[in-house]
Amino acid sequence: MENCLFCKIAAGQIPSNKLFEDDTLLAFYDIDPQAPVHFLVIPKQHIDSAASLTEDHAELLGHVFAVIAKLAAELQLENGYRVVTNVGEDGGQSVKHLHFHVLAKRSLAWPPG
């Protein structure tokens, strides 16, 4: 998508502090971290949000969570972490591109906010 911030980051048009990249995904540190460890995992393919997902995205989502588990192990997040995706304005989605926040290294209360 032409004016999508995360599409531009995935295309290398905007720099990011990358943790992981392959043909389908990019993981990078959040520029406004809400925890000592806070990174995002995004598909390079533009998908508006989790509300746009279908069964056809099953393989992509499996890959997302496998990459998150791999990065969590590499970053030694053995005490736990939270994975969040926001959907729509009321859900707190600020960038209209599917993305998963991974937060760790602090106690994360429930319920959030």
C-alpha atoms as a PDB file:
ATOM      1  CA  MET A   1       0.000   0.000   0.000  1.00  0.00           C
ATOM      2  CA  GLU A   2       1.466   3.292  -1.128  1.00  0.00           C
ATOM      3  CA  ASN A   3       1.204   5.482   1.998  1.00  0.00           C
ATOM      4  CA  CYS A   4       1.494   2.754   4.640  1.00  0.00           C
ATOM      5  CA  LEU A   5       4.265   3.402   7.178  1.00  0.00           C
ATOM      6  CA  PHE A   6       4.951  -0.301   7.765  1.00  0.00           C
ATOM      7  CA  CYS A   7       4.973  -1.087   4.030  1.00  0.00           C
ATOM      8  CA  LYS A   8       7.654   1.606   3.647  1.00  0.00           C
ATOM      9  CA  ILE A   9       9.656   0.139   6.538  1.00  0.00           C
ATOM     10  CA  ALA A  10       9.334  -3.365   5.045  1.00  0.00           C
ATOM     11  CA  ALA A  11      10.527  -2.032   1.667  1.00  0.00           C
ATOM     12  CA  GLY A  12      13.567  -0.394   3.283  1.00  0.00           C
ATOM     13  CA  GLN A  13      12.383   3.126   2.434  1.00  0.00           C
ATOM     14  CA  ILE A  14      12.298   4.048   6.145  1.00  0.00           C
ATOM     15  CA  PRO A  15      15.052   2.740   8.443  1.00  0.00           C
ATOM     16  CA  SER A  16      14.299   0.480  11.396  1.00  0.00           C
ATOM     17  CA  ASN A  17      16.270  -1.298  14.094  1.00  0.00           C
ATOM     18  CA  LYS A  18      15.809  -4.805  12.661  1.00  0.00           C
ATOM     19  CA  LEU A  19      15.799  -7.989  14.701  1.00  0.00           C
ATOM     20  CA  PHE A  20      14.763 -10.378  11.939  1.00  0.00           C
ATOM     21  CA  GLU A  21      13.927 -10.367   8.263  1.00  0.00           C
ATOM     22  CA  ASP A  22      13.035 -12.969   5.681  1.00  0.00           C
ATOM     23  CA  ASP A  23      10.958 -12.986   2.506  1.00  0.00           C
ATOM     24  CA  THR A  24       7.629 -12.647   4.330  1.00  0.00           C
ATOM     25  CA  LEU A  25       8.262 -10.986   7.717  1.00  0.00           C
ATOM     26  CA  LEU A  26      10.152  -8.168   9.357  1.00  0.00           C
ATOM     27  CA  ALA A  27      10.744  -7.756  13.094  1.00  0.00           C
ATOM     28  CA  PHE A  28      12.089  -4.500  14.493  1.00  0.00           C
ATOM     29  CA  TYR A  29      12.226  -2.597  17.767  1.00  0.00           C
ATOM     30  CA  ASP A  30       9.354  -0.211  18.522  1.00  0.00           C
ATOM     31  CA  ILE A  31      10.358   3.470  18.407  1.00  0.00           C
ATOM     32  CA  ASP A  32       8.171   4.196  21.458  1.00  0.00           C
ATOM     33  CA  PRO A  33       8.794   1.162  23.690  1.00  0.00           C
ATOM     34  CA  GLN A  34       6.253   0.350  26.369  1.00  0.00           C
ATOM     35  CA  ALA A  35       8.501  -2.226  28.054  1.00  0.00           C
ATOM     36  CA  PRO A  36      12.267  -2.801  28.323  1.00  0.00           C
ATOM     37  CA  VAL A  37      11.901  -5.194  25.373  1.00  0.00           C
ATOM     38  CA  HIS A  38       9.312  -4.085  22.811  1.00  0.00           C
ATOM     39  CA  PHE A  39       9.493  -5.144  19.197  1.00  0.00           C
ATOM     40  CA  LEU A  40       7.046  -5.503  16.331  1.00  0.00           C
ATOM     41  CA  VAL A  41       6.597  -8.337  13.869  1.00  0.00           C
ATOM     42  CA  ILE A  42       4.922  -7.409  10.594  1.00  0.00           C
ATOM     43  CA  PRO A  43       4.133  -9.274   7.403  1.00  0.00           C
ATOM     44  CA  LYS A  44       5.701  -7.639   4.373  1.00  0.00           C
ATOM     45  CA  GLN A  45       2.404  -8.171   2.548  1.00  0.00           C
ATOM     46  CA  HIS A  46      -0.040  -5.406   3.384  1.00  0.00           C
ATOM     47  CA  ILE A  47      -2.923  -6.687   5.491  1.00  0.00           C
ATOM     48  CA  ASP A  48      -4.998  -3.994   7.206  1.00  0.00           C
ATOM     49  CA  SER A  49      -5.505  -5.782  10.538  1.00  0.00           C
ATOM     50  CA  ALA A  50      -6.432  -9.094  12.135  1.00  0.00           C
ATOM     51  CA  ALA A  51     -10.008  -8.359  11.048  1.00  0.00           C
ATOM     52  CA  SER A  52      -8.873  -8.912   7.451  1.00  0.00           C
ATOM     53  CA  LEU A  53      -7.383 -12.363   8.063  1.00  0.00           C
ATOM     54  CA  THR A  54      -8.803 -15.489   6.449  1.00  0.00           C
ATOM     55  CA  GLU A  55      -7.970 -19.191   6.473  1.00  0.00           C
ATOM     56  CA  ASP A  56      -5.621 -18.408   3.581  1.00  0.00           C
ATOM     57  CA  HIS A  57      -3.337 -16.615   6.070  1.00  0.00           C
ATOM     58  CA  ALA A  58      -2.868 -19.659   8.324  1.00  0.00           C
ATOM     59  CA  GLU A  59       0.671 -20.418   7.116  1.00  0.00           C
ATOM     60  CA  LEU A  60       1.707 -16.772   7.497  1.00  0.00           C
ATOM     61  CA  LEU A  61       0.356 -16.639  11.064  1.00  0.00           C
ATOM     62  CA  GLY A  62       2.122 -19.857  11.987  1.00  0.00           C
ATOM     63  CA  HIS A  63       5.337 -18.330  10.714  1.00  0.00           C
ATOM     64  CA  VAL A  64       4.707 -15.116  12.699  1.00  0.00           C
ATOM     65  CA  PHE A  65       4.400 -17.025  15.957  1.00  0.00           C
ATOM     66  CA  ALA A  66       7.355 -19.299  15.192  1.00  0.00           C
ATOM     67  CA  VAL A  67       9.522 -16.219  14.585  1.00  0.00           C
ATOM     68  CA  ILE A  68       8.263 -14.627  17.807  1.00  0.00           C
ATOM     69  CA  ALA A  69       9.196 -17.787  19.749  1.00  0.00           C
ATOM     70  CA  LYS A  70      12.641 -17.851  18.091  1.00  0.00           C
ATOM     71  CA  LEU A  71      13.302 -14.189  18.911  1.00  0.00           C
ATOM     72  CA  ALA A  72      12.021 -14.619  22.480  1.00  0.00           C
ATOM     73  CA  ALA A  73      14.496 -17.468  22.981  1.00  0.00           C
ATOM     74  CA  GLU A  74      17.350 -15.438  21.472  1.00  0.00           C
ATOM     75  CA  LEU A  75      16.493 -12.475  23.714  1.00  0.00           C
ATOM     76  CA  GLN A  76      16.241 -14.760  26.758  1.00  0.00           C
ATOM     77  CA  LEU A  77      12.659 -13.885  27.580  1.00  0.00           C
ATOM     78  CA  GLU A  78      12.240 -17.020  29.689  1.00  0.00           C
ATOM     79  CA  ASN A  79      10.205 -15.175  32.356  1.00  0.00           C
ATOM     80  CA  GLY A  80       7.532 -14.503  29.759  1.00  0.00           C
ATOM     81  CA  TYR A  81       6.317 -11.982  27.247  1.00  0.00           C
ATOM     82  CA  ARG A  82       3.089 -10.640  25.828  1.00  0.00           C
ATOM     83  CA  VAL A  83       2.025 -10.697  22.165  1.00  0.00           C
ATOM     84  CA  VAL A  84      -0.619  -8.126  21.211  1.00  0.00           C
ATOM     85  CA  THR A  85      -2.292  -7.090  17.994  1.00  0.00           C
ATOM     86  CA  ASN A  86      -4.679  -4.148  18.016  1.00  0.00           C
ATOM     87  CA  VAL A  87      -7.652  -3.952  15.666  1.00  0.00           C
ATOM     88  CA  GLY A  88      -9.325  -0.694  14.690  1.00  0.00           C
ATOM     89  CA  GLU A  89      -9.495   2.675  16.371  1.00  0.00           C
ATOM     90  CA  ASP A  90     -11.234   1.481  19.547  1.00  0.00           C
ATOM     91  CA  GLY A  91      -8.744  -1.379  19.784  1.00  0.00           C
ATOM     92  CA  GLY A  92      -5.836   1.064  19.742  1.00  0.00           C
ATOM     93  CA  GLN A  93      -4.540   0.333  16.229  1.00  0.00           C
ATOM     94  CA  SER A  94      -2.491   3.344  15.152  1.00  0.00           C
ATOM     95  CA  VAL A  95      -0.943   1.918  11.958  1.00  0.00           C
ATOM     96  CA  LYS A  96      -3.378   0.233   9.594  1.00  0.00           C
ATOM     97  CA  HIS A  97      -1.049  -2.676   8.783  1.00  0.00           C
ATOM     98  CA  LEU A  98      -1.228  -5.974  10.668  1.00  0.00           C
ATOM     99  CA  HIS A  99       1.458  -6.029  13.329  1.00  0.00           C
ATOM    100  CA  PHE A 100       2.207  -7.899  16.513  1.00  0.00           C
ATOM    101  CA  HIS A 101       3.731  -6.157  19.528  1.00  0.00           C
ATOM    102  CA  VAL A 102       6.005  -8.312  21.684  1.00  0.00           C
ATOM    103  CA  LEU A 103       6.583  -6.833  25.150  1.00  0.00           C
ATOM    104  CA  ALA A 104       8.811  -8.248  27.887  1.00  0.00           C
ATOM    105  CA  LYS A 105      11.229  -7.687  30.763  1.00  0.00           C
ATOM    106  CA  ARG A 106       8.619  -6.105  33.056  1.00  0.00           C
ATOM    107  CA  SER A 107       5.534  -7.327  34.828  1.00  0.00           C
ATOM    108  CA  LEU A 108       2.530  -6.971  32.526  1.00  0.00           C
ATOM    109  CA  ALA A 109      -0.681  -6.638  34.522  1.00  0.00           C
ATOM    110  CA  TRP A 110      -4.000  -8.076  33.448  1.00  0.00           C
ATOM    111  CA  PRO A 111      -6.371  -6.705  32.384  1.00  0.00           C
ATOM    112  CA  PRO A 112      -4.355  -4.190  30.375  1.00  0.00           C
ATOM    113  CA  GLY A 113      -5.100  -0.462  30.304  1.00  0.00           C
END
